[in-house]
Amino acid sequence: MRALAALLLLAGAAVAQENSGLVELVTREDLRGFEPVGRVNIADGGFCTGALIAADLVLTAGHCVLDPGGVPVAADRITFHAGLAYGTALVEAAVSRTIVDPAYRNLDPVPVEMIDLDVALLQLAQPIPSAVISPFVVARPANGDEVSVVSYAEGRDEALSWQRVCKVVGRDDRLIAVDCDVTHGSSGAPVLDRSGYRAKIVSMISAGGEWNGQTVSFGMELPEQVDRLKAALRRGQATSEAAVQPEQSVGTGVTGMPGKPPKRITSGAGATGGAKFLAP
């Protein structure tokens, strides 16, 4: 892999043109096609964005479920709220297990070699029927330069925001740089290829920063890493596991968690510092 500076130079050389603005997704009609995307809540800690990729698996960023000290966030502190909009979710799902690559380290600033490993799977206590939500497919990135991102973030944490078009501004080995409008809380947001009949996840937001006055975010290619984590779960391995298998509520109109909105995930569960930035 080339130095991070080389990838940043590629990103800095591209100028964001014709990127679309953000569209808030609130109604059931707004959410059509984006039902698998939801907010990953950490009890008393924060939130990230995640996406359903199997009936019982949510894809999100590894640093969302691993504290900076390396301690896993307990699975029973995590819930997934698909399509959450102003306190109401299509599905509110409890998490029974999490899995992160054992080589991943939640560091801030994050070394470039950690971005490729910044992937987590959340196994839900009960699968979500496909009649309720049909999961996204994870695929390799296409060669085109346009992608789409759906995320929660600081200042827009009550409902999903969709950026229909943003750009791939750099590629290096398995890393991808995009100029999409993401910030604190967008970690784990799916980067989508919408060129086919149905959108596919081709990367995931991991880290970002400023380069030559341009906001750049970084993700990774996913298929091999996701397959490895799925295989680890099948072998009974887990980064954290719920002490008691929780119940799950499934259906339209499930009420979200009461109380104050959670704090934003930045560099780890419960972190209060700035966003994850890349180490030069």
C-alpha atoms as a PDB file:
ATOM      1  CA  MET A   1       0.000   0.000   0.000  1.00  0.00           C
ATOM      2  CA  ARG A   2       1.328   3.446  -0.866  1.00  0.00           C
ATOM      3  CA  ALA A   3       1.749   6.102   1.779  1.00  0.00           C
ATOM      4  CA  LEU A   4      -1.384   7.806   3.026  1.00  0.00           C
ATOM      5  CA  ALA A   5      -0.037  11.106   1.729  1.00  0.00           C
ATOM      6  CA  ALA A   6      -0.276   9.748  -1.816  1.00  0.00           C
ATOM      7  CA  LEU A   7      -3.945   8.902  -1.397  1.00  0.00           C
ATOM      8  CA  LEU A   8      -4.608  12.291   0.158  1.00  0.00           C
ATOM      9  CA  LEU A   9      -2.920  13.945  -2.805  1.00  0.00           C
ATOM     10  CA  LEU A  10      -5.250  12.034  -5.104  1.00  0.00           C
ATOM     11  CA  ALA A  11      -8.187  13.185  -3.042  1.00  0.00           C
ATOM     12  CA  GLY A  12      -6.962  16.769  -2.924  1.00  0.00           C
ATOM     13  CA  ALA A  13      -6.509  16.843  -6.675  1.00  0.00           C
ATOM     14  CA  ALA A  14     -10.208  16.175  -7.236  1.00  0.00           C
ATOM     15  CA  VAL A  15     -12.636  19.036  -6.874  1.00  0.00           C
ATOM     16  CA  ALA A  16     -16.147  18.196  -5.703  1.00  0.00           C
ATOM     17  CA  GLN A  17     -18.493  19.021  -8.585  1.00  0.00           C
ATOM     18  CA  GLU A  18     -22.216  18.488  -8.886  1.00  0.00           C
ATOM     19  CA  ASN A  19     -22.518  16.803  -5.504  1.00  0.00           C
ATOM     20  CA  SER A  20     -26.114  16.735  -4.357  1.00  0.00           C
ATOM     21  CA  GLY A  21     -27.279  18.182  -1.068  1.00  0.00           C
ATOM     22  CA  LEU A  22     -28.699  16.224   1.853  1.00  0.00           C
ATOM     23  CA  VAL A  23     -32.291  15.012   1.868  1.00  0.00           C
ATOM     24  CA  GLU A  24     -33.878  14.126   5.212  1.00  0.00           C
ATOM     25  CA  LEU A  25     -35.692  10.774   5.190  1.00  0.00           C
ATOM     26  CA  VAL A  26     -38.670  10.908   7.551  1.00  0.00           C
ATOM     27  CA  THR A  27     -41.751   9.253   6.059  1.00  0.00           C
ATOM     28  CA  ARG A  28     -42.179   5.607   5.090  1.00  0.00           C
ATOM     29  CA  GLU A  29     -42.138   6.697   1.454  1.00  0.00           C
ATOM     30  CA  ASP A  30     -38.890   8.661   1.991  1.00  0.00           C
ATOM     31  CA  LEU A  31     -37.260   5.547   3.428  1.00  0.00           C
ATOM     32  CA  ARG A  32     -38.229   3.267   0.556  1.00  0.00           C
ATOM     33  CA  GLY A  33     -35.063   1.428  -0.487  1.00  0.00           C
ATOM     34  CA  PHE A  34     -33.136   2.639   2.572  1.00  0.00           C
ATOM     35  CA  GLU A  35     -34.987   0.639   5.239  1.00  0.00           C
ATOM     36  CA  PRO A  36     -31.847  -1.415   6.095  1.00  0.00           C
ATOM     37  CA  VAL A  37     -29.984   1.705   7.314  1.00  0.00           C
ATOM     38  CA  GLY A  38     -30.368   2.595  10.975  1.00  0.00           C
ATOM     39  CA  ARG A  39     -28.806   4.155  14.032  1.00  0.00           C
ATOM     40  CA  VAL A  40     -26.555   2.000  16.189  1.00  0.00           C
ATOM     41  CA  ASN A  41     -27.139   3.228  19.741  1.00  0.00           C
ATOM     42  CA  ILE A  42     -24.733   2.628  22.621  1.00  0.00           C
ATOM     43  CA  ALA A  43     -26.493   2.886  26.001  1.00  0.00           C
ATOM     44  CA  ASP A  44     -25.064   5.883  27.900  1.00  0.00           C
ATOM     45  CA  GLY A  45     -22.409   6.191  25.236  1.00  0.00           C
ATOM     46  CA  GLY A  46     -23.180   7.427  21.742  1.00  0.00           C
ATOM     47  CA  PHE A  47     -24.230   6.332  18.289  1.00  0.00           C
ATOM     48  CA  CYS A  48     -23.022   5.367  14.855  1.00  0.00           C
ATOM     49  CA  THR A  49     -24.740   4.458  11.597  1.00  0.00           C
ATOM     50  CA  GLY A  50     -25.221   0.837  10.546  1.00  0.00           C
ATOM     51  CA  ALA A  51     -26.867  -1.197   7.806  1.00  0.00           C
ATOM     52  CA  LEU A  52     -28.553  -4.587   7.734  1.00  0.00           C
ATOM     53  CA  ILE A  53     -26.644  -6.996   5.431  1.00  0.00           C
ATOM     54  CA  ALA A  54     -28.372 -10.237   6.489  1.00  0.00           C
ATOM     55  CA  ALA A  55     -31.537 -11.011   8.414  1.00  0.00           C
ATOM     56  CA  ASP A  56     -29.574 -11.013  11.682  1.00  0.00           C
ATOM     57  CA  LEU A  57     -26.396  -9.023  10.831  1.00  0.00           C
ATOM     58  CA  VAL A  58     -25.722  -5.279  10.928  1.00  0.00           C
ATOM     59  CA  LEU A  59     -22.597  -3.786   9.382  1.00  0.00           C
ATOM     60  CA  THR A  60     -20.965  -0.843  11.165  1.00  0.00           C
ATOM     61  CA  ALA A  61     -17.500   0.516  11.988  1.00  0.00           C
ATOM     62  CA  GLY A  62     -15.242  -1.388  14.367  1.00  0.00           C
ATOM     63  CA  HIS A  63     -14.407   1.723  16.388  1.00  0.00           C
ATOM     64  CA  CYS A  64     -18.099   2.075  17.248  1.00  0.00           C
ATOM     65  CA  VAL A  65     -18.049  -1.090  19.364  1.00  0.00           C
ATOM     66  CA  LEU A  66     -14.495  -1.009  20.723  1.00  0.00           C
ATOM     67  CA  ASP A  67     -13.363   1.543  23.282  1.00  0.00           C
ATOM     68  CA  PRO A  68     -10.088   3.403  22.633  1.00  0.00           C
ATOM     69  CA  GLY A  69      -8.489   1.331  25.396  1.00  0.00           C
ATOM     70  CA  GLY A  70      -9.341  -1.839  23.498  1.00  0.00           C
ATOM     71  CA  VAL A  71     -12.238  -2.898  25.741  1.00  0.00           C
ATOM     72  CA  PRO A  72     -15.216  -4.172  23.721  1.00  0.00           C
ATOM     73  CA  VAL A  73     -18.543  -2.442  24.258  1.00  0.00           C
ATOM     74  CA  ALA A  74     -20.875  -5.005  25.847  1.00  0.00           C
ATOM     75  CA  ALA A  75     -23.287  -6.358  23.236  1.00  0.00           C
ATOM     76  CA  ASP A  76     -26.264  -5.803  25.536  1.00  0.00           C
ATOM     77  CA  ARG A  77     -25.491  -2.059  25.561  1.00  0.00           C
ATOM     78  CA  ILE A  78     -26.047  -1.880  21.802  1.00  0.00           C
ATOM     79  CA  THR A  79     -29.326  -1.590  19.909  1.00  0.00           C
ATOM     80  CA  PHE A  80     -30.054  -1.139  16.221  1.00  0.00           C
ATOM     81  CA  HIS A  81     -32.884   1.215  15.180  1.00  0.00           C
ATOM     82  CA  ALA A  82     -33.645   0.693  11.486  1.00  0.00           C
ATOM     83  CA  GLY A  83     -35.065   3.742   9.729  1.00  0.00           C
ATOM     84  CA  LEU A  84     -35.218   5.757  12.947  1.00  0.00           C
ATOM     85  CA  ALA A  85     -36.959   9.098  12.432  1.00  0.00           C
ATOM     86  CA  TYR A  86     -37.777  11.390  15.336  1.00  0.00           C
ATOM     87  CA  GLY A  87     -38.217   8.669  17.938  1.00  0.00           C
ATOM     88  CA  THR A  88     -39.920   6.054  15.785  1.00  0.00           C
ATOM     89  CA  ALA A  89     -38.125   3.159  14.073  1.00  0.00           C
ATOM     90  CA  LEU A  90     -39.244   0.556  11.569  1.00  0.00           C
ATOM     91  CA  VAL A  91     -37.463  -2.004  13.757  1.00  0.00           C
ATOM     92  CA  GLU A  92     -35.778  -1.706  17.149  1.00  0.00           C
ATOM     93  CA  ALA A  93     -33.426  -4.678  17.510  1.00  0.00           C
ATOM     94  CA  ALA A  94     -31.319  -5.911  20.419  1.00  0.00           C
ATOM     95  CA  VAL A  95     -27.772  -7.150  19.766  1.00  0.00           C
ATOM     96  CA  SER A  96     -26.596 -10.511  21.048  1.00  0.00           C
ATOM     97  CA  ARG A  97     -22.987 -10.600  19.770  1.00  0.00           C
ATOM     98  CA  THR A  98     -20.418  -8.365  18.098  1.00  0.00           C
ATOM     99  CA  ILE A  99     -17.337  -9.291  16.096  1.00  0.00           C
ATOM    100  CA  VAL A 100     -14.356  -7.118  15.112  1.00  0.00           C
ATOM    101  CA  ASP A 101     -11.094  -8.249  13.529  1.00  0.00           C
ATOM    102  CA  PRO A 102      -8.760  -9.118  16.447  1.00  0.00           C
ATOM    103  CA  ALA A 103      -5.954  -7.164  14.748  1.00  0.00           C
ATOM    104  CA  TYR A 104      -7.985  -3.940  14.770  1.00  0.00           C
ATOM    105  CA  ARG A 105      -6.949  -1.223  17.241  1.00  0.00           C
ATOM    106  CA  ASN A 106      -9.136   1.805  17.967  1.00  0.00           C
ATOM    107  CA  LEU A 107      -6.518   4.556  17.769  1.00  0.00           C
ATOM    108  CA  ASP A 108      -7.022   8.289  17.317  1.00  0.00           C
ATOM    109  CA  PRO A 109      -5.506   9.544  15.071  1.00  0.00           C
ATOM    110  CA  VAL A 110      -5.978   6.310  13.174  1.00  0.00           C
ATOM    111  CA  PRO A 111      -3.062   4.765  11.247  1.00  0.00           C
ATOM    112  CA  VAL A 112      -3.910   4.042   7.632  1.00  0.00           C
ATOM    113  CA  GLU A 113      -3.444   0.300   8.104  1.00  0.00           C
ATOM    114  CA  MET A 114      -6.322   0.270  10.616  1.00  0.00           C
ATOM    115  CA  ILE A 115      -8.904   1.646   8.164  1.00  0.00           C
ATOM    116  CA  ASP A 116      -9.113  -1.612   6.245  1.00  0.00           C
ATOM    117  CA  LEU A 117      -9.841  -3.459   9.524  1.00  0.00           C
ATOM    118  CA  ASP A 118     -12.354  -0.940  10.905  1.00  0.00           C
ATOM    119  CA  VAL A 119     -15.307  -3.242  10.277  1.00  0.00           C
ATOM    120  CA  ALA A 120     -17.744  -4.762  12.774  1.00  0.00           C
ATOM    121  CA  LEU A 121     -20.724  -7.069  12.514  1.00  0.00           C
ATOM    122  CA  LEU A 122     -23.539  -6.947  15.049  1.00  0.00           C
ATOM    123  CA  GLN A 123     -25.531 -10.170  15.373  1.00  0.00           C
ATOM    124  CA  LEU A 124     -29.110  -9.415  16.300  1.00  0.00           C
ATOM    125  CA  ALA A 125     -30.927 -11.339  19.019  1.00  0.00           C
ATOM    126  CA  GLN A 126     -33.574 -12.310  16.471  1.00  0.00           C
ATOM    127  CA  PRO A 127     -33.511 -12.086  12.656  1.00  0.00           C
ATOM    128  CA  ILE A 128     -35.584  -9.399  10.991  1.00  0.00           C
ATOM    129  CA  PRO A 129     -37.977 -10.975   8.472  1.00  0.00           C
ATOM    130  CA  SER A 130     -37.256 -10.049   4.865  1.00  0.00           C
ATOM    131  CA  ALA A 131     -40.911  -9.067   4.529  1.00  0.00           C
ATOM    132  CA  VAL A 132     -40.164  -6.262   7.009  1.00  0.00           C
ATOM    133  CA  ILE A 133     -36.702  -5.220   5.769  1.00  0.00           C
ATOM    134  CA  SER A 134     -34.719  -6.708   2.883  1.00  0.00           C
ATOM    135  CA  PRO A 135     -30.968  -6.517   3.654  1.00  0.00           C
ATOM    136  CA  PHE A 136     -28.430  -4.798   1.429  1.00  0.00           C
ATOM    137  CA  VAL A 137     -25.924  -6.808  -0.608  1.00  0.00           C
ATOM    138  CA  VAL A 138     -22.209  -6.122  -0.010  1.00  0.00           C
ATOM    139  CA  ALA A 139     -20.244  -5.868  -3.252  1.00  0.00           C
ATOM    140  CA  ARG A 140     -16.951  -4.690  -4.691  1.00  0.00           C
ATOM    141  CA  PRO A 141     -16.777  -1.040  -5.767  1.00  0.00           C
ATOM    142  CA  ALA A 142     -17.479  -0.342  -9.409  1.00  0.00           C
ATOM    143  CA  ASN A 143     -15.039   1.719 -11.456  1.00  0.00           C
ATOM    144  CA  GLY A 144     -17.339   4.732 -11.572  1.00  0.00           C
ATOM    145  CA  ASP A 145     -16.727   7.883  -9.558  1.00  0.00           C
ATOM    146  CA  GLU A 146     -20.252   8.501  -8.214  1.00  0.00           C
ATOM    147  CA  VAL A 147     -21.585   7.006  -4.992  1.00  0.00           C
ATOM    148  CA  SER A 148     -24.364   7.737  -2.516  1.00  0.00           C
ATOM    149  CA  VAL A 149     -24.319   7.847   1.302  1.00  0.00           C
ATOM    150  CA  VAL A 150     -27.098   7.538   3.897  1.00  0.00           C
ATOM    151  CA  SER A 151     -26.205   8.428   7.490  1.00  0.00           C
ATOM    152  CA  TYR A 152     -27.035   9.873  10.876  1.00  0.00           C
ATOM    153  CA  ALA A 153     -24.669  12.541  12.142  1.00  0.00           C
ATOM    154  CA  GLU A 154     -24.144  15.350  14.613  1.00  0.00           C
ATOM    155  CA  GLY A 155     -26.896  17.921  14.170  1.00  0.00           C
ATOM    156  CA  ARG A 156     -28.993  15.483  12.151  1.00  0.00           C
ATOM    157  CA  ASP A 157     -29.152  12.532  14.503  1.00  0.00           C
ATOM    158  CA  GLU A 158     -32.957  12.264  14.664  1.00  0.00           C
ATOM    159  CA  ALA A 159     -33.459  11.111  11.069  1.00  0.00           C
ATOM    160  CA  LEU A 160     -31.443   9.680   8.211  1.00  0.00           C
ATOM    161  CA  SER A 161     -29.929  12.054   5.674  1.00  0.00           C
ATOM    162  CA  TRP A 162     -29.357  10.921   2.101  1.00  0.00           C
ATOM    163  CA  GLN A 163     -26.761  12.392  -0.223  1.00  0.00           C
ATOM    164  CA  ARG A 164     -27.836  11.090  -3.602  1.00  0.00           C
ATOM    165  CA  VAL A 165     -24.573  11.884  -5.381  1.00  0.00           C
ATOM    166  CA  CYS A 166     -21.047  12.401  -4.100  1.00  0.00           C
ATOM    167  CA  LYS A 167     -17.689  11.493  -5.567  1.00  0.00           C
ATOM    168  CA  VAL A 168     -14.947   8.919  -5.222  1.00  0.00           C
ATOM    169  CA  VAL A 169     -11.895  11.172  -5.158  1.00  0.00           C
ATOM    170  CA  GLY A 170      -9.130   8.630  -4.549  1.00  0.00           C
ATOM    171  CA  ARG A 171      -8.392   4.901  -4.499  1.00  0.00           C
ATOM    172  CA  ASP A 172      -5.367   3.118  -3.138  1.00  0.00           C
ATOM    173  CA  ASP A 173      -5.215  -0.652  -2.854  1.00  0.00           C
ATOM    174  CA  ARG A 174      -8.290  -1.506  -0.704  1.00  0.00           C
ATOM    175  CA  LEU A 175      -8.984   2.059   0.492  1.00  0.00           C
ATOM    176  CA  ILE A 176     -11.459   4.502  -1.019  1.00  0.00           C
ATOM    177  CA  ALA A 177     -11.645   8.276  -0.434  1.00  0.00           C
ATOM    178  CA  VAL A 178     -14.953  10.110  -0.942  1.00  0.00           C
ATOM    179  CA  ASP A 179     -16.018  13.735  -0.592  1.00  0.00           C
ATOM    180  CA  CYS A 180     -19.465  12.919   0.817  1.00  0.00           C
ATOM    181  CA  ASP A 181     -21.112  15.118   3.466  1.00  0.00           C
ATOM    182  CA  VAL A 182     -20.436  13.088   6.620  1.00  0.00           C
ATOM    183  CA  THR A 183     -19.324  14.000  10.135  1.00  0.00           C
ATOM    184  CA  HIS A 184     -19.501  12.768  13.759  1.00  0.00           C
ATOM    185  CA  GLY A 185     -21.970   9.881  13.968  1.00  0.00           C
ATOM    186  CA  SER A 186     -21.588   8.933  10.301  1.00  0.00           C
ATOM    187  CA  SER A 187     -19.062   6.225  11.152  1.00  0.00           C
ATOM    188  CA  GLY A 188     -20.379   2.951   9.767  1.00  0.00           C
ATOM    189  CA  ALA A 189     -22.545   4.678   7.154  1.00  0.00           C
ATOM    190  CA  PRO A 190     -22.909   2.614   3.973  1.00  0.00           C
ATOM    191  CA  VAL A 191     -21.382   3.947   0.773  1.00  0.00           C
ATOM    192  CA  LEU A 192     -23.807   2.837  -1.926  1.00  0.00           C
ATOM    193  CA  ASP A 193     -23.604   2.070  -5.622  1.00  0.00           C
ATOM    194  CA  ARG A 194     -27.058   2.875  -7.023  1.00  0.00           C
ATOM    195  CA  SER A 195     -26.300   2.101 -10.667  1.00  0.00           C
ATOM    196  CA  GLY A 196     -28.263  -1.167 -10.646  1.00  0.00           C
ATOM    197  CA  TYR A 197     -31.836  -2.146  -9.872  1.00  0.00           C
ATOM    198  CA  ARG A 198     -31.170  -1.939  -6.115  1.00  0.00           C
ATOM    199  CA  ALA A 199     -28.437  -0.143  -4.223  1.00  0.00           C
ATOM    200  CA  LYS A 200     -25.422  -2.194  -3.065  1.00  0.00           C
ATOM    201  CA  ILE A 201     -22.973  -1.404  -0.266  1.00  0.00           C
ATOM    202  CA  VAL A 202     -19.522  -0.932  -1.799  1.00  0.00           C
ATOM    203  CA  SER A 203     -17.723   0.690   1.144  1.00  0.00           C
ATOM    204  CA  MET A 204     -18.314   2.106   4.627  1.00  0.00           C
ATOM    205  CA  ILE A 205     -17.348   5.404   6.261  1.00  0.00           C
ATOM    206  CA  SER A 206     -14.452   4.872   8.688  1.00  0.00           C
ATOM    207  CA  ALA A 207     -12.426   8.059   9.162  1.00  0.00           C
ATOM    208  CA  GLY A 208     -11.918  11.488   7.682  1.00  0.00           C
ATOM    209  CA  GLY A 209     -10.330  14.890   7.828  1.00  0.00           C
ATOM    210  CA  GLU A 210      -9.479  18.058   5.943  1.00  0.00           C
ATOM    211  CA  TRP A 211      -7.100  18.133   2.994  1.00  0.00           C
ATOM    212  CA  ASN A 212      -6.435  21.286   0.950  1.00  0.00           C
ATOM    213  CA  GLY A 213      -9.661  22.757   2.302  1.00  0.00           C
ATOM    214  CA  GLN A 214     -11.694  19.740   1.205  1.00  0.00           C
ATOM    215  CA  THR A 215     -13.458  17.352   3.587  1.00  0.00           C
ATOM    216  CA  VAL A 216     -12.425  13.818   2.703  1.00  0.00           C
ATOM    217  CA  SER A 217     -13.689  10.582   4.231  1.00  0.00           C
ATOM    218  CA  PHE A 218     -12.159   7.143   3.934  1.00  0.00           C
ATOM    219  CA  GLY A 219     -13.619   3.687   3.652  1.00  0.00           C
ATOM    220  CA  MET A 220     -12.540   0.236   2.613  1.00  0.00           C
ATOM    221  CA  GLU A 221     -13.454  -2.597   0.295  1.00  0.00           C
ATOM    222  CA  LEU A 222     -15.722  -4.912   2.257  1.00  0.00           C
ATOM    223  CA  PRO A 223     -16.426  -8.392   0.811  1.00  0.00           C
ATOM    224  CA  GLU A 224     -13.360 -10.266   2.121  1.00  0.00           C
ATOM    225  CA  GLN A 225     -13.433  -8.638   5.547  1.00  0.00           C
ATOM    226  CA  VAL A 226     -17.174  -9.228   5.942  1.00  0.00           C
ATOM    227  CA  ASP A 227     -16.766 -12.874   4.891  1.00  0.00           C
ATOM    228  CA  ARG A 228     -14.002 -13.375   7.487  1.00  0.00           C
ATOM    229  CA  LEU A 229     -16.133 -11.901  10.264  1.00  0.00           C
ATOM    230  CA  LYS A 230     -19.156 -13.987   9.257  1.00  0.00           C
ATOM    231  CA  ALA A 231     -16.997 -17.114   9.364  1.00  0.00           C
ATOM    232  CA  ALA A 232     -15.724 -16.184  12.845  1.00  0.00           C
ATOM    233  CA  LEU A 233     -19.307 -15.839  14.088  1.00  0.00           C
ATOM    234  CA  ARG A 234     -20.179 -19.241  12.644  1.00  0.00           C
ATOM    235  CA  ARG A 235     -17.244 -20.709  14.580  1.00  0.00           C
ATOM    236  CA  GLY A 236     -18.701 -19.272  17.770  1.00  0.00           C
ATOM    237  CA  GLN A 237     -16.169 -16.452  18.101  1.00  0.00           C
ATOM    238  CA  ALA A 238     -17.259 -13.009  19.291  1.00  0.00           C
ATOM    239  CA  THR A 239     -15.709  -9.749  20.461  1.00  0.00           C
ATOM    240  CA  SER A 240     -18.543  -9.268  22.946  1.00  0.00           C
ATOM    241  CA  GLU A 241     -21.629 -11.259  23.854  1.00  0.00           C
ATOM    242  CA  ALA A 242     -24.784 -10.342  25.727  1.00  0.00           C
ATOM    243  CA  ALA A 243     -24.900 -11.914  29.195  1.00  0.00           C
ATOM    244  CA  VAL A 244     -28.624 -12.572  28.751  1.00  0.00           C
ATOM    245  CA  GLN A 245     -30.134 -13.004  25.315  1.00  0.00           C
ATOM    246  CA  PRO A 246     -32.512 -10.019  24.997  1.00  0.00           C
ATOM    247  CA  GLU A 247     -35.900  -9.840  23.394  1.00  0.00           C
ATOM    248  CA  GLN A 248     -36.513  -7.873  20.212  1.00  0.00           C
ATOM    249  CA  SER A 249     -39.362  -5.763  18.897  1.00  0.00           C
ATOM    250  CA  VAL A 250     -40.098  -6.003  15.178  1.00  0.00           C
ATOM    251  CA  GLY A 251     -42.652  -4.053  13.182  1.00  0.00           C
ATOM    252  CA  THR A 252     -43.590  -0.685  11.817  1.00  0.00           C
ATOM    253  CA  GLY A 253     -43.930   2.116  14.300  1.00  0.00           C
ATOM    254  CA  VAL A 254     -41.759   0.769  17.112  1.00  0.00           C
ATOM    255  CA  THR A 255     -41.080   3.583  19.567  1.00  0.00           C
ATOM    256  CA  GLY A 256     -37.466   4.606  19.997  1.00  0.00           C
ATOM    257  CA  MET A 257     -35.665   4.921  23.293  1.00  0.00           C
ATOM    258  CA  PRO A 258     -37.016   7.662  25.553  1.00  0.00           C
ATOM    259  CA  GLY A 259     -34.970  10.380  27.165  1.00  0.00           C
ATOM    260  CA  LYS A 260     -32.283  12.671  25.844  1.00  0.00           C
ATOM    261  CA  PRO A 261     -30.710  12.018  22.439  1.00  0.00           C
ATOM    262  CA  PRO A 262     -27.506  10.006  22.864  1.00  0.00           C
ATOM    263  CA  LYS A 263     -24.094  11.555  22.559  1.00  0.00           C
ATOM    264  CA  ARG A 264     -22.220  11.154  19.292  1.00  0.00           C
ATOM    265  CA  ILE A 265     -19.713   8.395  18.689  1.00  0.00           C
ATOM    266  CA  THR A 266     -16.422   9.953  17.665  1.00  0.00           C
ATOM    267  CA  SER A 267     -13.306   7.857  18.189  1.00  0.00           C
ATOM    268  CA  GLY A 268     -15.011   5.138  20.206  1.00  0.00           C
ATOM    269  CA  ALA A 269     -17.993   4.234  22.316  1.00  0.00           C
ATOM    270  CA  GLY A 270     -18.537   6.939  24.895  1.00  0.00           C
ATOM    271  CA  ALA A 271     -15.698   9.064  23.529  1.00  0.00           C
ATOM    272  CA  THR A 272     -16.011  12.814  23.958  1.00  0.00           C
ATOM    273  CA  GLY A 273     -13.133  14.025  21.782  1.00  0.00           C
ATOM    274  CA  GLY A 274     -13.083  15.052  18.124  1.00  0.00           C
ATOM    275  CA  ALA A 275     -13.740  12.975  15.041  1.00  0.00           C
ATOM    276  CA  LYS A 276     -11.425  10.217  13.974  1.00  0.00           C
ATOM    277  CA  PHE A 277      -8.640  11.706  11.893  1.00  0.00           C
ATOM    278  CA  LEU A 278      -5.919  10.007   9.929  1.00  0.00           C
ATOM    279  CA  ALA A 279      -2.334   9.856  11.133  1.00  0.00           C
ATOM    280  CA  PRO A 280       0.033  11.246   8.519  1.00  0.00           C
END
